Every structure is written in C-alpha cells, then in structure tokens.
Amino acid sequence: MALHYTTMFPATQPPSNHSSIKPLSNPISLRSGPPRFGYPLRNPRQTMATSSSDRRLRHVESGPGRMQRLNAVVLGESIASEEDELVFPSEGFSEQALVSSHEQYLKMYKRSIEDPAGFWSEIASEFYWKTKWGEEVFTENLDVRKGKITIEWFKGATTNVCYNALDRNIEAGNGGKIAIQWEGNEPGHDAQLTYSELLEKVCQLSNYLKDIGIRKGDAVVIYMPMLMELPIAMLACARIGAVHSVVFAGFSTESLAQRIVDCKPKAVITCNAVCRGTKVIQLKDIVDDALVESAKNGILVGACLTYENSSAMMREETKWQDGRDIWWQDVVPKYSTTCEVEWMDAEDPLFLLYTSGSTGKPKGVLHTIGGYMIYTATTFKYAFDYKPSDIYWCTADCGWITGHSYVTYGPLLNGATVVVFEGAPTYPDYGRCWDIVDKFKYVTRYSRKSLRILGSVGEPINPSAWRWLFNVVGDSRCPISDTWWQTETGGFLITPLPGAWPQKPGSATFPFFGVQPAIVDEKGNELEGECSGYLSIKNSWPGAFRTLYGDHERYETTYFKPFSGYYFSGDGCRRDKDGYYWLTGRVDDVINVSGHRIGTAEVESALVSHPQCAEAAVVGVEHEIGAFAAPDRIHWAPGLPKTRSGKIMRRILRKIASRQLDELGDTSTLADPSVVDQLIALSDF
C-alpha cells in the first residue's frame, strides 16, 4: 500500500490508541500475495560504507551508514514505541527492494548530481520519443542576477504522455491488465477498465474535443469528482496536446470563475452532481454560475461537456443551456475508439494547476511534458518500490498535484493498477477505507495483510502520528514513504526509499535523485551539517514547474529572488546530525520569540505527543511580550479547518486569532466548513 496525502486520523482518534482503525485520507498502494517480512536483524555493528567527501554529497553521505542501532526496531519484529528513534528495513524487504541499500542509493545519487544529463537521459530512454533530444539535455538559470529564470529539459525532443501511459503499455502486452479500479460513493458500486479499454475511451473523448475545435495549446478546464472520467479527460487532453486545468470539484463559484478567467479555456468538462457520503453537491449549478461570472469579465466558454452521474442526479433535474451544454453520454460514445497522437515538444505545456497565493489571486503553476513525465514516473517507481503485481491506491483527488502525479500519470506510466475512489473515507462508516483495502486483498476487523508500503504527503507527519500509522495500519511491518514536495515541484523531492535506509518517525529522510537541498539562513548563506533554516534547492530537476501562467515576474519574485541561485520552497527545515531532513512548517508560520525562530510543526509535534491529543495546529499572533517561548492560548477544538486532502488551513486560524473575521477568504475547499464557525464561537481572543 502506498498512502501519501494528508491527516492520519480524525480528531476523535488519539494516535496512541491502537485498538481500532480509522480512515486515512491519503494515497494507498497495495500488493497482492503474502508479505515478505520478519527476517532476522543484521549485525547491529554492521555499518554502510560511504564515499569520499564531495561538497555536493555531504548532506547524504553522513547518516544511515554510521548510526548506532540503539532505540531501534526492525520491520516485522515489534511495534515502534515513543522511545524508538529508528525503524530499520528488514533484510527480507531490502533484498527485494529496487534500491536495497544506502550504498546503492549513494552510487545512483552521486551520478544524478555529477552527471544529471547522463542520469536522466538513461531513464528517459526507457520511454517512447518520436524524436530524441540533442547533446544539450537541459539548460537552467536559477539566479535572477544572471537574467531570466529558465528551466528546460529534453527541449527539441518530441513525445506524448498519453502514448507513454497507455499505448506503450498495451504494445508491451499489458492491454488486458486492469488500469483503473473504480470504487463509487456507495459500497458495491464499482467498475474497472483495462489498459485497452481505457485507451478506447480516451480516444473517443479526444476525437470529440478535436471535433469541437480543441487544438494543441488550447486550455480545457476539468471540474469533476473522482469518476473514471476524470483521468480519462486528463489523458484525452494530453493525447491531442490540449492543456488541462483540473479544478477541485468542491471549489466555490468564485474560485472556479477566477481560474476560468485566468486560463481562458475553450471548453469546460464537468458532471451534473456528485454524492459525498449522503450529501449531494450540484456541480453543474456551480459551473453555470462560474460561467456567468466569467462572461462578465469577457471570457465566453463555447462548450460545457457534462457527464450524467445518475447515482447523484438524473439529467431531467439538471439545469441546461441549449447550444452550450452537451451530455457526455449523448456524444462521446459515438466517436472512433482510435485517435492519432499529437507529438509534442518536451517543453510544451502539459497542464496548469492553480494553487492559492498569499495575495488571494491563484497562481497558475505550469508543468511541461517531457521532464514532468520522466520525473513523476521515476519518483513513483522508487518511492513506492513499485512491483508489477502491486495494486496501488492513492486517495488524493485529481484536483490536487498528488492526483496528477500519483493517481494518473506516475502510476499509469509504470503500467500500474490504480484504485480511484469517489466517496468519503467516513461513509458509510469509519471503516470504508479498510473495506476497500480488504476487497482488493491489500487491508482487528480488517486484515491489511497484503499492505506492503504506506506513504504520506501534505502535512508533515508528527512522530506520534507516524508511529500510529506504522504500528496500527502497517502492523509494524510496512515502511512509510513520508515525502516532502509541492505543487511546484511536480514530484517528491525528499523521500524515503523503503529498503535503502532506516527511517526516523517524522522525518522525510533524504533527497531523491537529482535533488540538491540546501538549508540557508535569512541572508542566503548555505548552512552545513546539523542546522535549521530555510529549505531551498540548488539546480533544477526535470519535474520542476517552468513558470506561473501569464506572470513570469511573479514566478521569479516568489521563488527565486528571496535567495539568488536557489529555488526557495517557502518551508522551514532542519537537518539533524545524521543528515536527515525534518520539515518544520511554512516560514510565514514561523513563530519568532526573542530572536528564536520556532517552526509550527515542532510545537504541534510536542502537543500531539500527549496520548489524549489527536491533532494540533499552531499559529503565531502579534504579541508585545515574547521573552519566553510558551503557548499564549490553547483552545480545545472539535476539529481543524482542513481541506479534503488533509492540509490544515492555518491562514484561517491566523485570521480567527487576530479577529479579522471579514478576511477569512474562500472556505469552500474545506472538508467541513462548519468547523470555522465552531472555532469562531469557541474563541475568546
């Protein structure tokens, strides 16, 4: 199982309670067949050799090979207690892992840093390219003092992501393999598509889009729930060279209209309604209102393709505008099941994905085709130690970057079987996730014996929650890929490789191939060894975003001007004596007390270490006295304002704490917007 997005347990479930299992709103990857765990511990005195010191490699050479096995456990042997600082892979797990040791990782990592062109070219050659790249594999400038910020990989080469995800796998003999296993909102409502069937449906939609005038470079907004038609729509756009912009089907009319106005799509793809648990959300009404607002700003959308989701609403109940609105089921199935591929330059746009900005205006993160394809496929393969027999479930929505990289593109590029789940993890009860896991022979009342790997992204997992996930969900035998990355990075930048080194609960561990993290101080000086500061990245990697759509100046100002020569992540980080990286929260959430900078994640981890505290969120507020670092106010809350992907909206908490209640902004993406009203009522600031 590979699970990687959001909170690990609901507010009613303390992390130390091992008696029951509650839902995880994260991605899960599963494996059929008996697990291979429980092998004997290696010699406790055994260490791993490291290479000679190269300044670029110091941050990865120091740690795992030299650590003593004190306060440590081994996969499959015992649970991880609060005193255990290390979790070692068992020999059995390491032996079958794609990266089986720290030495192997170092060898691969060293080459990826010293010869990035050769390293990534070799991996890229495993995919299909209509025309290959030239001698110059990549060009980059991350220093604003030297001119325009530029990142390009495989420029001049032509390929197609949809072809590599579908046609290539079918040509390899995997056409009959299940590509998507869909689970509906209601238990027992399911469907599946093989790779061949998926390609046929993608081609039909591609042909329809071409027929209504969608061409290479045109934008298409997709506002859909987690139906199979969502990844179908993404792949159809990729096949014909259209640029898709998936908007989470939960955003408000205003948020959707903002994105339509910014990217000026020629078509919107949606469905009439969706059920989340027992609640019906009328998506078509939201789209209708957003198109009215967009028209007021001069943006007219000529086509609104609407899928009839009859389990939520019948078409007769759906509002309709003749001449613009079209039922998917009435037109798409009539088209041919074959469609020619549009061969695209590696640096042509693949998709736009909007992320919130501090000014309130969404930022249109633009990812291009070649580098993103290679990077997401490679991170998926190694971070989840993917095997062809695995069944993989990522519970993230395709409205977020995780759904792009680790529901649609990364898994399908590797020929994986992906579970797509429409419903809510708590419906009809808190065991829904584990019902699904058991159904596919991958998770007390639920066995979970087939789970092989767990994973998480979104919020940093505090050590107590990490141990709960490891002990309860993974039966103390499944490594956890607790990853760090961003919408802007395209894929994981810092991530465990499950069989290569011991894990520390709460740490993202070490950088992925080709990634050079740097921790800098407020003046941009790079810090060495054990330290804390601002997490930045030296040099580019293939999956990096190329610009903010229509606003390259904002791209440079936000990400590259703070520290010249680096990509600035906006996150705080510390590196421990063993070289492990620990994310401490967004730097704009950092609390400054008498010159000491304290990350919110550090305080939150301390709070949730208490067995009666399930979750915690910490924000800083203006305070006249700050000589002593102690929480000024503690509020007991029924829940936290989190998105459905599990991210805590600390912006809202700051506004409540400062009583700026008229500046809360859009709360439509929250899993439970009513939590905000409850927090306001309970606050006494």
Foldseek 3Di string as FASTA:
>chain_A
DAWAFADQAFQVAFLVDQLDHFDDLTWAWFFFDFDFADADDDDQVAFDDFDDDDPLCQLLRFFFRPDGCPLEEEFPPDFRDPSRFWYAYHQRVLVLFPANASVSQNVQQVCCAVPVQVSLVVLLVVFDWPFFADPDQWDAFLFPVVPFGFTDGRFPIWDFLLCLLAVVCVVVVQQQPWAEWEAEADPPDTDTHGSLRLLLLLQLVLVVCVVVPDAAAAEEEEQEFLDPVVLSVLSSCRQRNYAYEYAYNQFALVVVLLVCLQRLHQEYEYAQWGDAFNDIDGSVVSVVSSQVVNVVVVRHHQAYEYEYPVVRPGPVPGDDDPRHYDYCVVRSVVGGSDDHGDIDGQARWSYWAWDADPVRRTWTFTWGHSLLLSVLQVQVCQQVSDDQSMEIGTSDICSFLCCVSPQHRNQSSVVHYYYTYRYACQPPHRCNVLVVCVVVNQWSVIRNSRRAAYEYEADQFQLSNQSSCCCNNVVSNHYYFYFDDHSQQSHTFQTDRGNHGIDGRRFRFGGHRNWRWFFAAQVQHTDDAWDKHFIWTADHGSGGTGAGPPCRVCVCVVARVSHGRTGTPQWIWTAHNSSIIHTQGGQVQWEAAPNDTHGQNVVFSVVSVPSSGRGDGDGDDDDPHRNDDDDPDDFDAPGAFAFSSHHGPVVQVHCLVVVVNVPNHTSSRTPDSVSSVRVNVRDDD
